[in-house]
Amino acid sequence: MRLPSVPSLKPFGLYGLLLAMLLRPAHGLPQGLYELSDVPLLPPYCKYAQDFRDRVPGGNSPADIERWGSILGPTFHHIHHYCYGLVATNRGNLKAKDQQERLRHLKASIGEFNYVIERAPADFSLLPEILTKKGENLIKVDRAPEGVRALEQAIELKADYWPPYAYISDYYRNIGELTKAREQLESGLANAPDAQPLKRRLASLANQKPKRATP
């Protein structure tokens, strides 16, 4: 009996190779980078991105592919790697059975985010968002200095984008640096005065006392 051929994993990047090893079914063939159940959690353009459009129902729509290409520009050609990174992030945060699996997915996401970051121009509209996702995940895998730097880069690109301020503030709050946490929120509100998540965090900080240093 002739066995079906194993599809090439070259186009799928680091996360594809990792998932092929982790999610190999009993008959030894790779399942691929994502399941259709992952897609509803992704941004709408992922459906029309490379490696998604031929599997996701309705994704191979020339009009929609052209529309998203027009909106996102040439970097749309690489955006499937951001979508892979989001799949990895969602699996790490929502579906992982234990901490080891959670960290494995989150670490894999960073390589996919980097793939797009390294190829995107400085004015790419999604770059602040991608840097923010990268920074958030770096903090979660205990690479906080790198994570804070990625979040700061997002702020440098788009000062009125509030999420990176929130995640830097959360980091400082979690380690007991309440003054720095407050400064981040105040800076964020100076640039995005209507950001309710920043206002809620700032109000919450008002009732929190600094952690006592261990003797």
N, C-alpha and C. Protein backbone atom coordinates (compact mmCIF):
# COMPACT_ATOMS: atom_id res chain seq x y z
N MET A 1 0.84 -1.19 0.00
CA MET A 1 0.00 0.00 0.00
C MET A 1 0.88 1.24 0.00
N ARG A 2 0.58 2.18 -0.82
CA ARG A 2 1.36 3.40 -0.92
C ARG A 2 0.89 4.40 0.14
N LEU A 3 1.82 4.88 0.96
CA LEU A 3 1.48 5.84 2.00
C LEU A 3 1.44 7.25 1.41
N PRO A 4 0.56 8.11 1.96
CA PRO A 4 0.54 9.50 1.48
C PRO A 4 1.84 10.18 1.83
N SER A 5 2.26 11.11 0.97
CA SER A 5 3.52 11.80 1.19
C SER A 5 3.40 12.80 2.32
N VAL A 6 4.51 13.03 3.00
CA VAL A 6 4.54 14.02 4.08
C VAL A 6 4.72 15.39 3.45
N PRO A 7 3.85 16.36 3.77
CA PRO A 7 4.00 17.69 3.17
C PRO A 7 5.27 18.36 3.66
N SER A 8 5.84 19.19 2.80
CA SER A 8 7.04 19.94 3.18
C SER A 8 6.69 20.93 4.27
N LEU A 9 7.58 21.06 5.26
CA LEU A 9 7.36 22.00 6.36
C LEU A 9 8.12 23.30 6.15
N LYS A 10 8.87 23.42 5.06
CA LYS A 10 9.70 24.61 4.84
C LYS A 10 8.92 25.91 4.92
N PRO A 11 7.72 26.01 4.31
CA PRO A 11 7.04 27.30 4.33
C PRO A 11 6.50 27.66 5.71
N PHE A 12 6.50 26.72 6.66
CA PHE A 12 5.77 26.95 7.89
C PHE A 12 6.61 27.54 9.01
N GLY A 13 7.90 27.67 8.87
CA GLY A 13 8.70 28.33 9.87
C GLY A 13 8.97 27.49 11.10
N LEU A 14 9.56 28.12 12.11
CA LEU A 14 9.99 27.43 13.32
C LEU A 14 8.83 26.77 14.04
N TYR A 15 7.72 27.50 14.16
CA TYR A 15 6.60 26.92 14.90
C TYR A 15 6.03 25.72 14.18
N GLY A 16 6.07 25.75 12.85
CA GLY A 16 5.61 24.60 12.10
C GLY A 16 6.44 23.37 12.38
N LEU A 17 7.75 23.54 12.38
CA LEU A 17 8.63 22.41 12.67
C LEU A 17 8.39 21.88 14.08
N LEU A 18 8.21 22.81 15.03
CA LEU A 18 7.99 22.40 16.40
C LEU A 18 6.68 21.64 16.55
N LEU A 19 5.61 22.18 15.96
CA LEU A 19 4.33 21.51 16.08
C LEU A 19 4.31 20.17 15.37
N ALA A 20 5.03 20.09 14.26
CA ALA A 20 5.09 18.81 13.55
C ALA A 20 5.67 17.73 14.44
N MET A 21 6.66 18.11 15.28
CA MET A 21 7.26 17.13 16.19
C MET A 21 6.34 16.85 17.38
N LEU A 22 5.70 17.92 17.90
CA LEU A 22 4.90 17.76 19.11
C LEU A 22 3.55 17.10 18.85
N LEU A 23 2.99 17.37 17.66
CA LEU A 23 1.63 16.94 17.39
C LEU A 23 1.56 15.82 16.36
N ARG A 24 2.61 15.04 16.26
CA ARG A 24 2.64 13.95 15.29
C ARG A 24 1.66 12.86 15.71
N PRO A 25 0.68 12.52 14.86
CA PRO A 25 -0.28 11.49 15.22
C PRO A 25 0.32 10.10 15.13
N ALA A 26 -0.49 9.09 15.46
CA ALA A 26 0.01 7.72 15.58
C ALA A 26 0.62 7.20 14.29
N HIS A 27 0.08 7.58 13.13
CA HIS A 27 0.60 7.04 11.88
C HIS A 27 1.85 7.77 11.40
N GLY A 28 2.30 8.78 12.16
CA GLY A 28 3.60 9.38 11.87
C GLY A 28 3.58 10.57 10.94
N LEU A 29 2.42 11.01 10.50
CA LEU A 29 2.35 12.16 9.60
C LEU A 29 2.05 13.42 10.39
N PRO A 30 2.67 14.55 10.01
CA PRO A 30 2.42 15.79 10.76
C PRO A 30 1.01 16.30 10.56
N GLN A 31 0.43 16.88 11.60
CA GLN A 31 -0.93 17.42 11.51
C GLN A 31 -0.94 18.83 10.93
N GLY A 32 0.19 19.50 10.90
CA GLY A 32 0.24 20.86 10.42
C GLY A 32 0.33 21.86 11.55
N LEU A 33 0.20 23.13 11.19
CA LEU A 33 0.45 24.20 12.15
C LEU A 33 -0.75 24.58 12.99
N TYR A 34 -1.92 24.32 12.51
CA TYR A 34 -3.11 24.77 13.20
C TYR A 34 -4.27 23.86 12.82
N GLU A 35 -5.28 23.88 13.64
CA GLU A 35 -6.55 23.22 13.33
C GLU A 35 -7.57 24.30 12.98
N LEU A 36 -8.61 23.92 12.30
CA LEU A 36 -9.63 24.90 11.94
C LEU A 36 -10.25 25.53 13.18
N SER A 37 -10.25 24.79 14.30
CA SER A 37 -10.80 25.34 15.54
C SER A 37 -9.96 26.48 16.10
N ASP A 38 -8.69 26.59 15.65
CA ASP A 38 -7.84 27.71 16.08
C ASP A 38 -8.21 29.01 15.38
N VAL A 39 -8.78 28.92 14.20
CA VAL A 39 -8.95 30.09 13.33
C VAL A 39 -9.91 31.14 13.88
N PRO A 40 -11.05 30.76 14.50
CA PRO A 40 -11.96 31.80 15.00
C PRO A 40 -11.33 32.73 16.04
N LEU A 41 -10.24 32.30 16.69
CA LEU A 41 -9.58 33.13 17.69
C LEU A 41 -8.58 34.11 17.06
N LEU A 42 -8.38 34.02 15.75
CA LEU A 42 -7.38 34.83 15.06
C LEU A 42 -8.02 36.07 14.43
N PRO A 43 -7.22 37.09 14.13
CA PRO A 43 -7.75 38.26 13.41
C PRO A 43 -8.31 37.85 12.05
N PRO A 44 -9.24 38.62 11.50
CA PRO A 44 -9.92 38.20 10.26
C PRO A 44 -9.01 38.02 9.07
N TYR A 45 -7.89 38.76 9.00
CA TYR A 45 -7.02 38.65 7.84
C TYR A 45 -6.27 37.32 7.78
N CYS A 46 -6.16 36.61 8.92
CA CYS A 46 -5.44 35.33 8.91
C CYS A 46 -6.11 34.32 7.98
N LYS A 47 -7.40 34.39 7.89
CA LYS A 47 -8.14 33.47 7.02
C LYS A 47 -7.68 33.56 5.57
N TYR A 48 -7.20 34.75 5.16
CA TYR A 48 -6.81 34.99 3.78
C TYR A 48 -5.30 35.00 3.59
N ALA A 49 -4.56 34.71 4.64
CA ALA A 49 -3.10 34.73 4.57
C ALA A 49 -2.58 33.45 3.93
N GLN A 50 -1.32 33.48 3.52
CA GLN A 50 -0.69 32.28 2.98
C GLN A 50 -0.79 31.14 3.99
N ASP A 51 -0.92 29.91 3.48
CA ASP A 51 -0.99 28.69 4.27
C ASP A 51 -2.29 28.55 5.05
N PHE A 52 -3.12 29.58 5.06
CA PHE A 52 -4.45 29.50 5.67
C PHE A 52 -5.53 29.47 4.60
N ARG A 53 -5.33 30.28 3.56
CA ARG A 53 -6.41 30.50 2.59
C ARG A 53 -6.85 29.23 1.88
N ASP A 54 -5.94 28.26 1.72
CA ASP A 54 -6.31 27.03 1.01
C ASP A 54 -6.95 25.99 1.92
N ARG A 55 -6.91 26.19 3.23
CA ARG A 55 -7.51 25.24 4.17
C ARG A 55 -8.77 25.76 4.83
N VAL A 56 -8.83 27.06 5.05
CA VAL A 56 -9.95 27.64 5.77
C VAL A 56 -11.09 27.92 4.79
N PRO A 57 -12.28 27.42 5.05
CA PRO A 57 -13.40 27.66 4.14
C PRO A 57 -13.61 29.16 3.88
N GLY A 58 -13.68 29.51 2.60
CA GLY A 58 -13.87 30.90 2.21
C GLY A 58 -12.61 31.72 2.16
N GLY A 59 -11.48 31.12 2.55
CA GLY A 59 -10.24 31.88 2.62
C GLY A 59 -9.63 32.19 1.27
N ASN A 60 -9.89 31.35 0.29
CA ASN A 60 -9.28 31.53 -1.03
C ASN A 60 -10.16 32.42 -1.90
N SER A 61 -10.46 33.59 -1.37
CA SER A 61 -11.29 34.57 -2.07
C SER A 61 -10.39 35.65 -2.66
N PRO A 62 -10.22 35.69 -3.97
CA PRO A 62 -9.33 36.69 -4.57
C PRO A 62 -9.64 38.11 -4.16
N ALA A 63 -10.93 38.44 -4.04
CA ALA A 63 -11.30 39.82 -3.67
C ALA A 63 -10.83 40.15 -2.26
N ASP A 64 -11.02 39.22 -1.32
CA ASP A 64 -10.63 39.47 0.06
C ASP A 64 -9.11 39.44 0.22
N ILE A 65 -8.46 38.55 -0.50
CA ILE A 65 -6.99 38.52 -0.46
C ILE A 65 -6.42 39.84 -0.97
N GLU A 66 -7.00 40.33 -2.06
CA GLU A 66 -6.54 41.61 -2.61
C GLU A 66 -6.84 42.76 -1.65
N ARG A 67 -8.00 42.70 -1.01
CA ARG A 67 -8.38 43.77 -0.08
C ARG A 67 -7.42 43.84 1.11
N TRP A 68 -7.12 42.68 1.71
CA TRP A 68 -6.21 42.68 2.86
C TRP A 68 -4.78 43.02 2.43
N GLY A 69 -4.41 42.60 1.23
CA GLY A 69 -3.11 42.98 0.72
C GLY A 69 -2.99 44.49 0.55
N SER A 70 -4.10 45.11 0.14
CA SER A 70 -4.12 46.56 -0.01
C SER A 70 -4.05 47.26 1.35
N ILE A 71 -4.75 46.70 2.34
CA ILE A 71 -4.79 47.30 3.67
C ILE A 71 -3.44 47.16 4.38
N LEU A 72 -2.85 45.97 4.31
CA LEU A 72 -1.63 45.68 5.08
C LEU A 72 -0.35 45.89 4.27
N GLY A 73 -0.48 46.06 2.98
CA GLY A 73 0.71 46.31 2.16
C GLY A 73 1.52 45.05 1.91
N PRO A 74 2.75 45.20 1.44
CA PRO A 74 3.57 44.05 1.06
C PRO A 74 3.82 43.06 2.20
N THR A 75 3.79 43.53 3.46
CA THR A 75 4.05 42.64 4.58
C THR A 75 2.94 41.61 4.75
N PHE A 76 1.81 41.80 4.10
CA PHE A 76 0.75 40.78 4.11
C PHE A 76 1.29 39.45 3.61
N HIS A 77 2.31 39.48 2.76
CA HIS A 77 2.91 38.26 2.24
C HIS A 77 3.50 37.40 3.36
N HIS A 78 3.89 38.04 4.46
CA HIS A 78 4.51 37.33 5.58
C HIS A 78 3.60 37.16 6.79
N ILE A 79 2.39 37.69 6.71
CA ILE A 79 1.56 37.81 7.91
C ILE A 79 1.15 36.46 8.48
N HIS A 80 1.21 35.38 7.67
CA HIS A 80 0.84 34.07 8.20
C HIS A 80 1.72 33.67 9.37
N HIS A 81 2.95 34.18 9.41
CA HIS A 81 3.82 33.86 10.54
C HIS A 81 3.31 34.53 11.83
N TYR A 82 2.76 35.71 11.71
CA TYR A 82 2.13 36.33 12.88
C TYR A 82 0.93 35.50 13.32
N CYS A 83 0.18 35.01 12.35
CA CYS A 83 -0.97 34.16 12.69
C CYS A 83 -0.51 32.88 13.38
N TYR A 84 0.59 32.28 12.91
CA TYR A 84 1.14 31.11 13.61
C TYR A 84 1.50 31.46 15.05
N GLY A 85 2.13 32.63 15.22
CA GLY A 85 2.50 33.05 16.56
C GLY A 85 1.30 33.23 17.47
N LEU A 86 0.21 33.72 16.91
CA LEU A 86 -1.02 33.87 17.69
C LEU A 86 -1.62 32.52 18.04
N VAL A 87 -1.56 31.56 17.10
CA VAL A 87 -2.02 30.20 17.40
C VAL A 87 -1.22 29.64 18.58
N ALA A 88 0.10 29.80 18.51
CA ALA A 88 0.96 29.31 19.58
C ALA A 88 0.62 29.99 20.91
N THR A 89 0.39 31.30 20.85
CA THR A 89 0.06 32.05 22.06
C THR A 89 -1.25 31.55 22.66
N ASN A 90 -2.26 31.38 21.82
CA ASN A 90 -3.56 30.91 22.31
C ASN A 90 -3.47 29.50 22.88
N ARG A 91 -2.68 28.66 22.23
CA ARG A 91 -2.53 27.30 22.76
C ARG A 91 -1.79 27.32 24.09
N GLY A 92 -0.79 28.19 24.20
CA GLY A 92 -0.07 28.28 25.46
C GLY A 92 -0.93 28.83 26.58
N ASN A 93 -1.70 29.85 26.29
CA ASN A 93 -2.50 30.50 27.33
C ASN A 93 -3.81 29.78 27.64
N LEU A 94 -4.39 29.14 26.64
CA LEU A 94 -5.75 28.61 26.80
C LEU A 94 -5.86 27.09 26.79
N LYS A 95 -4.90 26.40 26.15
CA LYS A 95 -5.08 24.97 25.92
C LYS A 95 -3.99 24.09 26.53
N ALA A 96 -2.91 24.68 26.99
CA ALA A 96 -1.79 23.88 27.50
C ALA A 96 -2.22 23.09 28.73
N LYS A 97 -1.76 21.84 28.79
CA LYS A 97 -2.13 20.94 29.90
C LYS A 97 -1.27 21.18 31.13
N ASP A 98 -0.09 21.74 30.95
CA ASP A 98 0.78 21.99 32.09
C ASP A 98 1.72 23.16 31.76
N GLN A 99 2.52 23.55 32.74
CA GLN A 99 3.40 24.70 32.56
C GLN A 99 4.45 24.46 31.49
N GLN A 100 4.96 23.25 31.41
CA GLN A 100 5.98 22.94 30.41
C GLN A 100 5.43 23.13 29.00
N GLU A 101 4.23 22.63 28.76
CA GLU A 101 3.63 22.79 27.44
C GLU A 101 3.30 24.26 27.17
N ARG A 102 2.83 24.96 28.20
CA ARG A 102 2.52 26.38 28.04
C ARG A 102 3.75 27.16 27.61
N LEU A 103 4.87 26.94 28.29
CA LEU A 103 6.10 27.65 27.96
C LEU A 103 6.61 27.28 26.58
N ARG A 104 6.44 26.03 26.19
CA ARG A 104 6.90 25.58 24.88
C ARG A 104 6.19 26.34 23.77
N HIS A 105 4.88 26.48 23.91
CA HIS A 105 4.12 27.21 22.89
C HIS A 105 4.48 28.69 22.89
N LEU A 106 4.57 29.29 24.07
CA LEU A 106 4.86 30.72 24.14
C LEU A 106 6.25 31.02 23.58
N LYS A 107 7.22 30.16 23.88
CA LYS A 107 8.57 30.36 23.33
C LYS A 107 8.55 30.23 21.80
N ALA A 108 7.78 29.28 21.29
CA ALA A 108 7.71 29.11 19.83
C ALA A 108 7.08 30.33 19.16
N SER A 109 6.15 30.98 19.84
CA SER A 109 5.49 32.14 19.24
C SER A 109 6.47 33.27 18.95
N ILE A 110 7.48 33.40 19.79
CA ILE A 110 8.42 34.52 19.66
C ILE A 110 9.17 34.46 18.33
N GLY A 111 9.57 33.27 17.92
CA GLY A 111 10.25 33.13 16.64
C GLY A 111 9.36 33.52 15.47
N GLU A 112 8.08 33.20 15.56
CA GLU A 112 7.15 33.57 14.49
C GLU A 112 6.94 35.09 14.45
N PHE A 113 6.82 35.71 15.62
CA PHE A 113 6.70 37.17 15.66
C PHE A 113 7.95 37.82 15.07
N ASN A 114 9.11 37.30 15.44
CA ASN A 114 10.36 37.86 14.93
C ASN A 114 10.44 37.78 13.41
N TYR A 115 9.90 36.71 12.84
CA TYR A 115 9.94 36.53 11.39
C TYR A 115 9.31 37.75 10.69
N VAL A 116 8.17 38.19 11.22
CA VAL A 116 7.48 39.33 10.61
C VAL A 116 8.18 40.64 10.97
N ILE A 117 8.58 40.77 12.23
CA ILE A 117 9.24 42.01 12.68
C ILE A 117 10.48 42.29 11.84
N GLU A 118 11.24 41.26 11.55
CA GLU A 118 12.49 41.43 10.80
C GLU A 118 12.26 41.80 9.34
N ARG A 119 11.06 41.58 8.84
CA ARG A 119 10.77 41.83 7.43
C ARG A 119 9.82 43.01 7.21
N ALA A 120 9.29 43.56 8.29
CA ALA A 120 8.31 44.64 8.16
C ALA A 120 8.99 46.00 8.16
N PRO A 121 8.51 46.94 7.36
CA PRO A 121 9.03 48.32 7.44
C PRO A 121 8.56 48.98 8.72
N ALA A 122 9.24 50.03 9.11
CA ALA A 122 8.94 50.70 10.38
C ALA A 122 7.52 51.27 10.42
N ASP A 123 6.94 51.53 9.25
CA ASP A 123 5.60 52.10 9.23
C ASP A 123 4.50 51.04 9.03
N PHE A 124 4.85 49.76 9.15
CA PHE A 124 3.83 48.71 9.02
C PHE A 124 2.81 48.87 10.14
N SER A 125 1.54 48.92 9.78
CA SER A 125 0.49 49.28 10.74
C SER A 125 0.38 48.30 11.91
N LEU A 126 0.71 47.03 11.71
CA LEU A 126 0.57 46.04 12.78
C LEU A 126 1.84 45.86 13.61
N LEU A 127 2.90 46.58 13.27
CA LEU A 127 4.17 46.37 13.96
C LEU A 127 4.09 46.65 15.47
N PRO A 128 3.44 47.74 15.91
CA PRO A 128 3.32 47.94 17.36
C PRO A 128 2.59 46.79 18.06
N GLU A 129 1.56 46.28 17.41
CA GLU A 129 0.81 45.15 17.98
C GLU A 129 1.68 43.90 18.07
N ILE A 130 2.44 43.61 17.02
CA ILE A 130 3.28 42.41 17.02
C ILE A 130 4.37 42.52 18.06
N LEU A 131 4.99 43.69 18.16
CA LEU A 131 6.01 43.91 19.19
C LEU A 131 5.41 43.75 20.59
N THR A 132 4.18 44.18 20.76
CA THR A 132 3.52 44.06 22.06
C THR A 132 3.27 42.60 22.41
N LYS A 133 2.80 41.82 21.45
CA LYS A 133 2.59 40.39 21.69
C LYS A 133 3.91 39.70 22.02
N LYS A 134 4.95 40.07 21.30
CA LYS A 134 6.27 39.50 21.57
C LYS A 134 6.72 39.86 22.98
N GLY A 135 6.59 41.14 23.35
CA GLY A 135 7.02 41.57 24.67
C GLY A 135 6.25 40.89 25.78
N GLU A 136 4.95 40.77 25.60
CA GLU A 136 4.12 40.11 26.61
C GLU A 136 4.56 38.66 26.81
N ASN A 137 4.83 37.96 25.72
CA ASN A 137 5.22 36.55 25.83
C ASN A 137 6.64 36.40 26.37
N LEU A 138 7.53 37.31 26.02
CA LEU A 138 8.88 37.26 26.58
C LEU A 138 8.84 37.38 28.10
N ILE A 139 8.01 38.26 28.61
CA ILE A 139 7.87 38.39 30.06
C ILE A 139 7.35 37.09 30.66
N LYS A 140 6.40 36.46 29.99
CA LYS A 140 5.81 35.23 30.51
C LYS A 140 6.79 34.06 30.53
N VAL A 141 7.81 34.10 29.67
CA VAL A 141 8.79 33.00 29.65
C VAL A 141 10.09 33.41 30.37
N ASP A 142 9.96 34.38 31.28
CA ASP A 142 11.08 34.80 32.15
C ASP A 142 12.22 35.46 31.38
N ARG A 143 11.87 36.21 30.35
CA ARG A 143 12.86 37.02 29.64
C ARG A 143 12.40 38.47 29.68
N ALA A 144 12.16 38.93 30.92
CA ALA A 144 11.53 40.23 31.14
C ALA A 144 12.29 41.41 30.55
N PRO A 145 13.62 41.51 30.71
CA PRO A 145 14.31 42.67 30.12
C PRO A 145 14.09 42.79 28.62
N GLU A 146 14.14 41.65 27.91
CA GLU A 146 13.86 41.68 26.47
C GLU A 146 12.42 42.05 26.20
N GLY A 147 11.53 41.54 27.05
CA GLY A 147 10.12 41.83 26.87
C GLY A 147 9.80 43.29 27.05
N VAL A 148 10.36 43.90 28.09
CA VAL A 148 10.13 45.33 28.33
C VAL A 148 10.68 46.15 27.17
N ARG A 149 11.82 45.74 26.64
CA ARG A 149 12.39 46.48 25.50
C ARG A 149 11.48 46.38 24.28
N ALA A 150 10.92 45.21 24.00
CA ALA A 150 10.01 45.07 22.87
C ALA A 150 8.78 45.95 23.07
N LEU A 151 8.27 46.02 24.29
CA LEU A 151 7.11 46.86 24.58
C LEU A 151 7.46 48.34 24.42
N GLU A 152 8.67 48.71 24.83
CA GLU A 152 9.11 50.09 24.65
C GLU A 152 9.25 50.43 23.16
N GLN A 153 9.69 49.47 22.37
CA GLN A 153 9.77 49.70 20.93
C GLN A 153 8.39 49.94 20.34
N ALA A 154 7.39 49.20 20.83
CA ALA A 154 6.02 49.42 20.36
C ALA A 154 5.56 50.83 20.69
N ILE A 155 5.89 51.31 21.88
CA ILE A 155 5.52 52.66 22.29
C ILE A 155 6.22 53.70 21.43
N GLU A 156 7.49 53.46 21.12
CA GLU A 156 8.24 54.39 20.28
C GLU A 156 7.60 54.53 18.89
N LEU A 157 7.04 53.44 18.40
CA LEU A 157 6.41 53.46 17.07
C LEU A 157 5.03 54.11 17.10
N LYS A 158 4.29 53.89 18.20
CA LYS A 158 2.91 54.40 18.26
C LYS A 158 2.59 54.75 19.71
N ALA A 159 2.86 55.99 20.07
CA ALA A 159 2.76 56.41 21.47
C ALA A 159 1.34 56.32 22.02
N ASP A 160 0.32 56.41 21.17
CA ASP A 160 -1.06 56.37 21.66
C ASP A 160 -1.66 54.96 21.64
N TYR A 161 -0.83 53.94 21.44
CA TYR A 161 -1.29 52.54 21.50
C TYR A 161 -1.12 52.08 22.95
N TRP A 162 -2.22 51.88 23.67
CA TRP A 162 -2.14 51.71 25.12
C TRP A 162 -1.66 50.34 25.62
N PRO A 163 -1.86 49.21 24.92
CA PRO A 163 -1.50 47.91 25.52
C PRO A 163 -0.07 47.78 26.04
N PRO A 164 0.98 48.27 25.33
CA PRO A 164 2.32 48.08 25.89
C PRO A 164 2.53 48.78 27.23
N TYR A 165 1.90 49.94 27.42
CA TYR A 165 2.00 50.60 28.73
C TYR A 165 1.41 49.69 29.82
N ALA A 166 0.28 49.07 29.50
CA ALA A 166 -0.40 48.21 30.47
C ALA A 166 0.48 47.02 30.86
N TYR A 167 1.11 46.39 29.87
CA TYR A 167 1.90 45.19 30.16
C TYR A 167 3.20 45.52 30.89
N ILE A 168 3.81 46.66 30.56
CA ILE A 168 5.00 47.08 31.33
C ILE A 168 4.59 47.39 32.77
N SER A 169 3.47 48.08 32.94
CA SER A 169 3.00 48.40 34.27
C SER A 169 2.68 47.13 35.07
N ASP A 170 2.04 46.16 34.43
CA ASP A 170 1.73 44.89 35.10
C ASP A 170 3.01 44.21 35.57
N TYR A 171 4.02 44.24 34.71
CA TYR A 171 5.30 43.61 35.08
C TYR A 171 5.88 44.27 36.32
N TYR A 172 5.96 45.62 36.31
CA TYR A 172 6.52 46.32 37.46
C TYR A 172 5.67 46.11 38.72
N ARG A 173 4.38 46.08 38.54
CA ARG A 173 3.50 45.84 39.69
C ARG A 173 3.75 44.46 40.28
N ASN A 174 3.92 43.47 39.43
CA ASN A 174 4.11 42.09 39.91
C ASN A 174 5.42 41.91 40.66
N ILE A 175 6.43 42.74 40.36
CA ILE A 175 7.70 42.62 41.07
C ILE A 175 7.81 43.65 42.20
N GLY A 176 6.71 44.36 42.46
CA GLY A 176 6.69 45.28 43.58
C GLY A 176 7.20 46.67 43.30
N GLU A 177 7.48 47.00 42.05
CA GLU A 177 7.97 48.33 41.68
C GLU A 177 6.78 49.23 41.33
N LEU A 178 6.06 49.64 42.38
CA LEU A 178 4.80 50.35 42.15
C LEU A 178 4.99 51.74 41.57
N THR A 179 6.08 52.39 41.92
CA THR A 179 6.33 53.73 41.36
C THR A 179 6.50 53.64 39.85
N LYS A 180 7.31 52.67 39.40
CA LYS A 180 7.51 52.49 37.96
C LYS A 180 6.21 52.07 37.28
N ALA A 181 5.44 51.23 37.95
CA ALA A 181 4.16 50.81 37.38
C ALA A 181 3.24 52.01 37.18
N ARG A 182 3.20 52.88 38.17
CA ARG A 182 2.36 54.07 38.08
C ARG A 182 2.85 55.02 36.99
N GLU A 183 4.15 55.18 36.88
CA GLU A 183 4.71 56.07 35.86
C GLU A 183 4.33 55.60 34.45
N GLN A 184 4.34 54.29 34.24
CA GLN A 184 3.96 53.76 32.93
C GLN A 184 2.50 54.08 32.62
N LEU A 185 1.65 53.91 33.60
CA LEU A 185 0.22 54.18 33.38
C LEU A 185 -0.02 55.66 33.13
N GLU A 186 0.65 56.51 33.88
CA GLU A 186 0.49 57.95 33.68
C GLU A 186 1.00 58.39 32.31
N SER A 187 2.12 57.78 31.89
CA SER A 187 2.65 58.09 30.56
C SER A 187 1.68 57.62 29.48
N GLY A 188 1.11 56.44 29.68
CA GLY A 188 0.16 55.93 28.71
C GLY A 188 -1.08 56.81 28.62
N LEU A 189 -1.58 57.26 29.76
CA LEU A 189 -2.78 58.09 29.76
C LEU A 189 -2.51 59.48 29.18
N ALA A 190 -1.27 59.93 29.28
CA ALA A 190 -0.91 61.21 28.67
C ALA A 190 -1.02 61.13 27.16
N ASN A 191 -0.77 59.94 26.61
CA ASN A 191 -0.82 59.74 25.16
C ASN A 191 -2.14 59.14 24.68
N ALA A 192 -2.82 58.42 25.57
CA ALA A 192 -4.10 57.79 25.22
C ALA A 192 -5.07 58.04 26.37
N PRO A 193 -5.55 59.28 26.53
CA PRO A 193 -6.32 59.66 27.72
C PRO A 193 -7.64 58.92 27.91
N ASP A 194 -8.16 58.29 26.88
CA ASP A 194 -9.43 57.58 27.00
C ASP A 194 -9.27 56.07 27.23
N ALA A 195 -8.05 55.61 27.46
CA ALA A 195 -7.79 54.17 27.61
C ALA A 195 -8.28 53.68 28.97
N GLN A 196 -9.45 53.08 28.98
CA GLN A 196 -10.05 52.62 30.24
C GLN A 196 -9.21 51.57 30.95
N PRO A 197 -8.58 50.63 30.24
CA PRO A 197 -7.75 49.65 30.95
C PRO A 197 -6.61 50.30 31.76
N LEU A 198 -6.06 51.38 31.25
CA LEU A 198 -5.02 52.08 31.99
C LEU A 198 -5.61 52.79 33.20
N LYS A 199 -6.78 53.38 33.06
CA LYS A 199 -7.43 54.06 34.17
C LYS A 199 -7.76 53.07 35.29
N ARG A 200 -8.25 51.88 34.91
CA ARG A 200 -8.58 50.88 35.93
C ARG A 200 -7.33 50.41 36.68
N ARG A 201 -6.25 50.22 35.95
CA ARG A 201 -5.01 49.80 36.60
C ARG A 201 -4.50 50.88 37.56
N LEU A 202 -4.59 52.13 37.13
CA LEU A 202 -4.11 53.22 37.97
C LEU A 202 -4.94 53.33 39.25
N ALA A 203 -6.25 53.17 39.13
CA ALA A 203 -7.11 53.20 40.31
C ALA A 203 -6.80 52.05 41.25
N SER A 204 -6.52 50.88 40.69
CA SER A 204 -6.18 49.72 41.50
C SER A 204 -4.86 49.92 42.23
N LEU A 205 -3.90 50.56 41.59
CA LEU A 205 -2.60 50.80 42.22
C LEU A 205 -2.72 51.71 43.44
N ALA A 206 -3.69 52.59 43.42
CA ALA A 206 -3.85 53.53 44.53
C ALA A 206 -4.11 52.81 45.85
N ASN A 207 -4.67 51.60 45.77
CA ASN A 207 -5.01 50.84 46.97
C ASN A 207 -3.98 49.77 47.31
N GLN A 208 -2.89 49.72 46.56
CA GLN A 208 -1.90 48.67 46.79
C GLN A 208 -0.65 49.25 47.45
N LYS A 209 -0.18 48.57 48.47
CA LYS A 209 1.03 49.00 49.18
C LYS A 209 2.24 48.28 48.60
N PRO A 210 3.38 48.97 48.58
CA PRO A 210 4.60 48.32 48.06
C PRO A 210 4.95 47.08 48.88
N LYS A 211 5.54 46.09 48.21
CA LYS A 211 5.98 44.90 48.91
C LYS A 211 7.19 45.23 49.76
N ARG A 212 7.22 44.65 50.94
CA ARG A 212 8.37 44.87 51.80
C ARG A 212 9.57 44.07 51.30
N ALA A 213 10.71 44.70 51.29
CA ALA A 213 11.93 44.01 50.86
C ALA A 213 12.28 42.91 51.84
N THR A 214 12.74 41.78 51.33
CA THR A 214 13.15 40.67 52.18
C THR A 214 14.45 41.02 52.87
N PRO A 215 14.50 40.89 54.25
CA PRO A 215 15.75 41.23 54.96
C PRO A 215 16.91 40.38 54.50
